[in-house]
């Protein structure tokens, strides 16, 4: 039993572990914390407000366009329609050329054959 008493006597010694360092905000006063929080909120609002407004306009579909941009878009649409029409004409000319080449080839074949 003497061995167990000596262990108990040794257990009475309490070793304190070092405390972790305090966080940086623990050293600031309450008014400083309030000012920092308000500055953070104001900065967030200043950055987020234009983004939220742009997103809401896009979702509503009320995005205002510059009249010059709208005029250019209409001009481009007219040019595309004209090009599509010309493409149809070009396709028709290709078909006519193919038909003419076939006729010429037939005439050459008939000229080669003895009558």
N, C-alpha and C. Protein backbone atom coordinates (compact mmCIF):
# COMPACT_ATOMS: atom_id res chain seq x y z
N UNK A 1 0.80 -1.19 0.00
CA UNK A 1 0.00 0.00 0.00
C UNK A 1 0.84 1.25 0.00
N UNK A 2 1.98 1.13 0.43
CA UNK A 2 2.84 2.30 0.45
C UNK A 2 3.07 2.81 -0.97
N UNK A 3 3.14 1.92 -1.91
CA UNK A 3 3.35 2.33 -3.29
C UNK A 3 2.18 3.12 -3.82
N UNK A 4 0.97 2.77 -3.44
CA UNK A 4 -0.20 3.49 -3.92
C UNK A 4 -0.31 4.85 -3.25
N UNK A 5 0.16 4.99 -1.99
CA UNK A 5 0.15 6.29 -1.32
C UNK A 5 1.15 7.23 -1.97
N UNK A 6 2.27 6.69 -2.36
CA UNK A 6 3.26 7.55 -3.00
C UNK A 6 2.74 8.04 -4.35
N UNK A 7 1.95 7.25 -5.06
CA UNK A 7 1.36 7.69 -6.33
C UNK A 7 0.34 8.78 -6.08
N UNK A 8 -0.43 8.67 -5.04
CA UNK A 8 -1.42 9.70 -4.72
C UNK A 8 -0.73 11.00 -4.35
N UNK A 9 0.35 10.92 -3.65
CA UNK A 9 1.08 12.12 -3.27
C UNK A 9 1.65 12.80 -4.50
N UNK A 10 2.06 12.03 -5.44
CA UNK A 10 2.59 12.62 -6.67
C UNK A 10 1.46 13.20 -7.52
N UNK A 11 0.28 12.68 -7.45
CA UNK A 11 -0.84 13.14 -8.26
C UNK A 11 -1.35 14.49 -7.79
N UNK A 12 -1.01 14.94 -6.58
CA UNK A 12 -1.47 16.23 -6.09
C UNK A 12 -0.81 17.39 -6.82
N UNK A 13 0.26 17.17 -7.50
CA UNK A 13 0.95 18.24 -8.20
C UNK A 13 0.22 18.46 -9.52
N UNK A 14 -0.29 19.66 -9.72
CA UNK A 14 -1.04 20.00 -10.94
C UNK A 14 -0.15 20.88 -11.80
N UNK A 15 0.02 20.45 -13.03
CA UNK A 15 0.82 21.22 -13.97
C UNK A 15 -0.14 21.95 -14.89
N UNK A 16 -0.02 23.26 -14.94
CA UNK A 16 -0.89 24.05 -15.81
C UNK A 16 -0.26 24.16 -17.19
N UNK A 17 -1.08 23.87 -18.19
CA UNK A 17 -0.62 24.01 -19.57
C UNK A 17 -0.68 25.49 -19.94
N UNK A 18 0.19 25.94 -20.81
CA UNK A 18 0.13 27.35 -21.21
C UNK A 18 -1.19 27.64 -21.94
N UNK A 19 -1.74 28.79 -21.71
CA UNK A 19 -3.00 29.18 -22.34
C UNK A 19 -2.75 29.54 -23.81
N UNK A 20 -3.72 29.24 -24.67
CA UNK A 20 -3.55 29.61 -26.08
C UNK A 20 -3.59 31.14 -26.21
N UNK A 21 -2.95 31.67 -27.23
CA UNK A 21 -2.96 33.12 -27.39
C UNK A 21 -4.37 33.63 -27.67
N UNK A 22 -4.63 34.83 -27.24
CA UNK A 22 -5.95 35.43 -27.44
C UNK A 22 -6.13 35.83 -28.90
N UNK A 23 -7.36 35.72 -29.40
CA UNK A 23 -7.60 36.17 -30.77
C UNK A 23 -7.42 37.69 -30.84
N UNK A 24 -7.10 38.21 -32.03
CA UNK A 24 -6.80 39.65 -32.15
C UNK A 24 -7.97 40.54 -31.73
N UNK A 25 -9.20 40.12 -31.97
CA UNK A 25 -10.33 40.97 -31.65
C UNK A 25 -10.61 41.04 -30.15
N UNK A 26 -10.03 40.12 -29.38
CA UNK A 26 -10.25 40.13 -27.93
C UNK A 26 -9.54 41.32 -27.28
N UNK A 27 -8.53 41.88 -27.96
CA UNK A 27 -7.79 43.00 -27.40
C UNK A 27 -8.41 44.34 -27.75
N UNK A 28 -9.42 44.35 -28.67
CA UNK A 28 -10.05 45.60 -29.08
C UNK A 28 -11.19 45.97 -28.15
N UNK A 29 -11.46 47.25 -28.06
CA UNK A 29 -12.58 47.70 -27.24
C UNK A 29 -13.89 47.50 -28.01
N UNK A 30 -15.01 47.58 -27.31
CA UNK A 30 -16.31 47.38 -27.95
C UNK A 30 -16.61 48.41 -29.02
N UNK A 31 -16.34 49.71 -28.82
CA UNK A 31 -16.61 50.68 -29.90
C UNK A 31 -15.78 50.40 -31.15
N UNK A 32 -14.55 49.93 -30.98
CA UNK A 32 -13.72 49.61 -32.14
C UNK A 32 -14.31 48.42 -32.90
N UNK A 33 -14.79 47.42 -32.19
CA UNK A 33 -15.42 46.27 -32.84
C UNK A 33 -16.67 46.68 -33.60
N UNK A 34 -17.46 47.57 -33.01
CA UNK A 34 -18.68 48.04 -33.67
C UNK A 34 -18.32 48.80 -34.95
N UNK A 35 -17.32 49.66 -34.89
CA UNK A 35 -16.90 50.41 -36.07
C UNK A 35 -16.38 49.49 -37.17
N UNK A 36 -15.62 48.49 -36.79
CA UNK A 36 -15.11 47.54 -37.78
C UNK A 36 -16.26 46.77 -38.42
N UNK A 37 -17.22 46.35 -37.61
CA UNK A 37 -18.38 45.62 -38.14
C UNK A 37 -19.18 46.50 -39.10
N UNK A 38 -19.40 47.76 -38.72
CA UNK A 38 -20.15 48.68 -39.60
C UNK A 38 -19.39 48.93 -40.90
N UNK A 39 -18.08 49.09 -40.83
CA UNK A 39 -17.28 49.30 -42.03
C UNK A 39 -17.35 48.08 -42.95
N UNK A 40 -17.31 46.90 -42.38
CA UNK A 40 -17.41 45.67 -43.17
C UNK A 40 -18.77 45.57 -43.86
N UNK A 41 -19.82 45.86 -43.12
CA UNK A 41 -21.18 45.80 -43.69
C UNK A 41 -21.33 46.84 -44.80
N UNK A 42 -20.84 48.06 -44.57
CA UNK A 42 -20.94 49.12 -45.58
C UNK A 42 -20.16 48.73 -46.84
N UNK A 43 -18.99 48.17 -46.69
CA UNK A 43 -18.20 47.74 -47.85
C UNK A 43 -18.89 46.63 -48.63
N UNK A 44 -19.48 45.71 -47.91
CA UNK A 44 -20.21 44.62 -48.56
C UNK A 44 -21.39 45.16 -49.35
N UNK A 45 -22.13 46.10 -48.76
CA UNK A 45 -23.29 46.68 -49.44
C UNK A 45 -22.83 47.46 -50.68
N UNK A 46 -21.76 48.22 -50.56
CA UNK A 46 -21.28 49.00 -51.70
C UNK A 46 -20.84 48.12 -52.87
N UNK A 47 -20.30 46.97 -52.57
CA UNK A 47 -19.86 46.06 -53.63
C UNK A 47 -21.04 45.24 -54.17
N UNK A 48 -21.90 44.77 -53.29
CA UNK A 48 -22.97 43.86 -53.69
C UNK A 48 -24.14 44.58 -54.35
N UNK A 49 -24.41 45.82 -54.00
CA UNK A 49 -25.60 46.51 -54.51
C UNK A 49 -25.61 46.62 -56.03
N UNK A 50 -24.52 47.08 -56.67
CA UNK A 50 -24.56 47.14 -58.14
C UNK A 50 -24.72 45.77 -58.79
N UNK A 51 -24.11 44.76 -58.19
CA UNK A 51 -24.25 43.41 -58.74
C UNK A 51 -25.68 42.92 -58.65
N UNK A 52 -26.31 43.12 -57.51
CA UNK A 52 -27.70 42.68 -57.33
C UNK A 52 -28.62 43.45 -58.26
N UNK A 53 -28.37 44.74 -58.44
CA UNK A 53 -29.21 45.55 -59.33
C UNK A 53 -29.07 45.08 -60.78
N UNK A 54 -27.85 44.78 -61.22
CA UNK A 54 -27.64 44.30 -62.59
C UNK A 54 -28.31 42.94 -62.80
N UNK A 55 -28.21 42.07 -61.82
CA UNK A 55 -28.85 40.75 -61.93
C UNK A 55 -30.35 40.89 -61.98
N UNK A 56 -30.91 41.76 -61.16
CA UNK A 56 -32.37 41.93 -61.15
C UNK A 56 -32.86 42.52 -62.47
N UNK A 57 -32.12 43.46 -63.05
CA UNK A 57 -32.51 44.00 -64.36
C UNK A 57 -32.50 42.92 -65.43
N UNK A 58 -31.48 42.09 -65.38
CA UNK A 58 -31.39 41.03 -66.38
C UNK A 58 -32.54 40.04 -66.22
N UNK A 59 -32.89 39.72 -64.98
CA UNK A 59 -33.99 38.79 -64.75
C UNK A 59 -35.33 39.39 -65.17
N UNK A 60 -35.50 40.69 -64.96
CA UNK A 60 -36.75 41.34 -65.33
C UNK A 60 -36.84 41.56 -66.83
N UNK A 61 -35.72 41.57 -67.51
CA UNK A 61 -35.71 41.79 -68.94
C UNK A 61 -35.89 43.25 -69.30
N UNK A 62 -35.61 44.15 -68.38
CA UNK A 62 -35.78 45.58 -68.64
C UNK A 62 -34.44 46.25 -68.92
N UNK A 63 -33.51 45.48 -69.42
CA UNK A 63 -32.20 46.05 -69.71
C UNK A 63 -32.35 47.10 -70.79
N UNK A 64 -31.90 48.30 -70.52
CA UNK A 64 -32.00 49.38 -71.50
C UNK A 64 -30.82 49.28 -72.47
N UNK A 65 -31.15 49.36 -73.76
CA UNK A 65 -30.12 49.29 -74.78
C UNK A 65 -29.93 50.65 -75.40
N UNK A 66 -28.73 50.89 -75.81
CA UNK A 66 -28.39 52.13 -76.48
C UNK A 66 -29.06 52.14 -77.86
N UNK A 67 -29.69 53.25 -78.26
CA UNK A 67 -30.34 53.29 -79.57
C UNK A 67 -29.37 53.01 -80.72
N UNK A 68 -28.12 53.42 -80.58
CA UNK A 68 -27.14 53.15 -81.63
C UNK A 68 -26.90 51.65 -81.76
N UNK A 69 -26.87 50.95 -80.65
CA UNK A 69 -26.67 49.49 -80.68
C UNK A 69 -27.88 48.82 -81.33
N UNK A 70 -29.08 49.28 -80.98
CA UNK A 70 -30.28 48.71 -81.58
C UNK A 70 -30.31 48.95 -83.09
N UNK A 71 -29.91 50.13 -83.54
CA UNK A 71 -29.86 50.43 -84.97
C UNK A 71 -28.85 49.53 -85.67
N UNK A 72 -27.71 49.31 -85.04
CA UNK A 72 -26.70 48.43 -85.64
C UNK A 72 -27.20 46.99 -85.72
N UNK A 73 -27.93 46.56 -84.72
CA UNK A 73 -28.49 45.20 -84.74
C UNK A 73 -29.47 45.06 -85.89
N UNK A 74 -30.33 46.05 -86.08
CA UNK A 74 -31.29 46.00 -87.19
C UNK A 74 -30.58 46.00 -88.53
N UNK A 75 -29.51 46.79 -88.65
CA UNK A 75 -28.72 46.82 -89.88
C UNK A 75 -28.11 45.45 -90.16
N UNK A 76 -27.58 44.83 -89.13
CA UNK A 76 -26.98 43.50 -89.30
C UNK A 76 -28.03 42.46 -89.68
N UNK A 77 -29.22 42.57 -89.11
CA UNK A 77 -30.30 41.64 -89.48
C UNK A 77 -30.67 41.79 -90.94
N UNK A 78 -30.73 43.03 -91.42
CA UNK A 78 -31.06 43.28 -92.82
C UNK A 78 -29.97 42.70 -93.73
N UNK A 79 -28.72 42.87 -93.32
CA UNK A 79 -27.62 42.34 -94.13
C UNK A 79 -27.64 40.82 -94.16
N UNK A 80 -27.98 40.19 -93.05
CA UNK A 80 -28.05 38.73 -93.02
C UNK A 80 -29.18 38.25 -93.92
N UNK A 81 -30.32 38.93 -93.90
CA UNK A 81 -31.44 38.55 -94.77
C UNK A 81 -31.04 38.67 -96.24
N UNK A 82 -30.33 39.74 -96.58
CA UNK A 82 -29.87 39.92 -97.95
C UNK A 82 -28.89 38.82 -98.36
N UNK A 83 -27.99 38.46 -97.46
CA UNK A 83 -27.03 37.39 -97.75
C UNK A 83 -27.74 36.04 -97.93
N UNK A 84 -28.77 35.79 -97.14
CA UNK A 84 -29.52 34.54 -97.29
C UNK A 84 -30.22 34.50 -98.64
N UNK A 85 -30.74 35.66 -99.08
CA UNK A 85 -31.39 35.71 -100.38
C UNK A 85 -30.35 35.47 -101.49
N UNK A 86 -29.19 36.07 -101.38
CA UNK A 86 -28.14 35.87 -102.38
C UNK A 86 -27.65 34.42 -102.38
N UNK A 87 -27.66 33.81 -101.23
CA UNK A 87 -27.24 32.41 -101.16
C UNK A 87 -28.22 31.54 -101.95
N UNK A 88 -29.50 31.85 -101.85
CA UNK A 88 -30.49 31.11 -102.64
C UNK A 88 -30.27 31.30 -104.12
N UNK A 89 -29.99 32.53 -104.54
CA UNK A 89 -29.72 32.80 -105.95
C UNK A 89 -28.47 32.05 -106.40
N UNK A 90 -27.43 32.04 -105.58
CA UNK A 90 -26.20 31.34 -105.91
C UNK A 90 -26.45 29.84 -106.07
N UNK A 91 -27.29 29.28 -105.20
CA UNK A 91 -27.61 27.86 -105.30
C UNK A 91 -28.33 27.58 -106.62
N UNK A 92 -29.24 28.44 -107.00
CA UNK A 92 -29.96 28.28 -108.27
C UNK A 92 -28.99 28.35 -109.45
N UNK A 93 -28.05 29.29 -109.41
CA UNK A 93 -27.05 29.40 -110.49
C UNK A 93 -26.16 28.16 -110.56
N UNK A 94 -25.82 27.58 -109.41
CA UNK A 94 -25.03 26.34 -109.40
C UNK A 94 -25.80 25.21 -110.08
N UNK A 95 -27.09 25.12 -109.80
CA UNK A 95 -27.90 24.07 -110.43
C UNK A 95 -27.96 24.27 -111.94
N UNK A 96 -28.12 25.52 -112.38
CA UNK A 96 -28.16 25.80 -113.82
C UNK A 96 -26.81 25.45 -114.48
N UNK A 97 -25.73 25.76 -113.83
CA UNK A 97 -24.41 25.44 -114.36
C UNK A 97 -24.23 23.93 -114.47
N UNK A 98 -24.66 23.19 -113.46
CA UNK A 98 -24.58 21.72 -113.50
C UNK A 98 -25.41 21.17 -114.66
N UNK A 99 -26.61 21.72 -114.86
CA UNK A 99 -27.47 21.28 -115.95
C UNK A 99 -26.81 21.55 -117.30
N UNK A 100 -26.22 22.74 -117.45
CA UNK A 100 -25.55 23.11 -118.71
C UNK A 100 -24.37 22.18 -118.96
N UNK A 101 -23.59 21.87 -117.94
CA UNK A 101 -22.45 20.96 -118.10
C UNK A 101 -22.92 19.57 -118.51
N UNK A 102 -24.02 19.12 -117.97
CA UNK A 102 -24.54 17.80 -118.35
C UNK A 102 -24.99 17.80 -119.82
N UNK A 103 -25.65 18.89 -120.24
CA UNK A 103 -26.07 18.98 -121.64
C UNK A 103 -24.88 18.97 -122.58
N UNK A 104 -23.84 19.74 -122.23
CA UNK A 104 -22.64 19.77 -123.07
C UNK A 104 -21.97 18.41 -123.12
N UNK A 105 -21.95 17.71 -121.99
CA UNK A 105 -21.34 16.39 -121.96
C UNK A 105 -22.13 15.42 -122.83
N UNK A 106 -23.46 15.53 -122.83
CA UNK A 106 -24.30 14.66 -123.67
C UNK A 106 -24.04 14.94 -125.15
N UNK A 107 -23.91 16.21 -125.50
CA UNK A 107 -23.66 16.57 -126.90
C UNK A 107 -22.30 16.02 -127.36
N UNK A 108 -21.32 16.09 -126.53
CA UNK A 108 -19.99 15.56 -126.88
C UNK A 108 -20.06 14.05 -127.08
N UNK A 109 -20.82 13.37 -126.20
CA UNK A 109 -20.95 11.92 -126.32
C UNK A 109 -21.64 11.57 -127.63
N UNK A 110 -22.67 12.31 -127.97
CA UNK A 110 -23.40 12.03 -129.21
C UNK A 110 -22.52 12.32 -130.43
N UNK A 111 -21.65 13.33 -130.36
CA UNK A 111 -20.77 13.64 -131.48
C UNK A 111 -19.72 12.56 -131.66
N UNK A 112 -19.31 11.91 -130.63
CA UNK A 112 -18.28 10.87 -130.71
C UNK A 112 -18.85 9.57 -131.30
N UNK A 113 -20.11 9.30 -130.99
CA UNK A 113 -20.71 8.05 -131.46
C UNK A 113 -20.94 8.11 -132.98
N UNK A 114 -20.63 7.04 -133.68
CA UNK A 114 -20.90 7.04 -135.15
C UNK A 114 -22.40 6.86 -135.41
N UNK A 115 -22.88 7.57 -136.40
CA UNK A 115 -24.31 7.49 -136.73
C UNK A 115 -24.58 6.47 -137.73
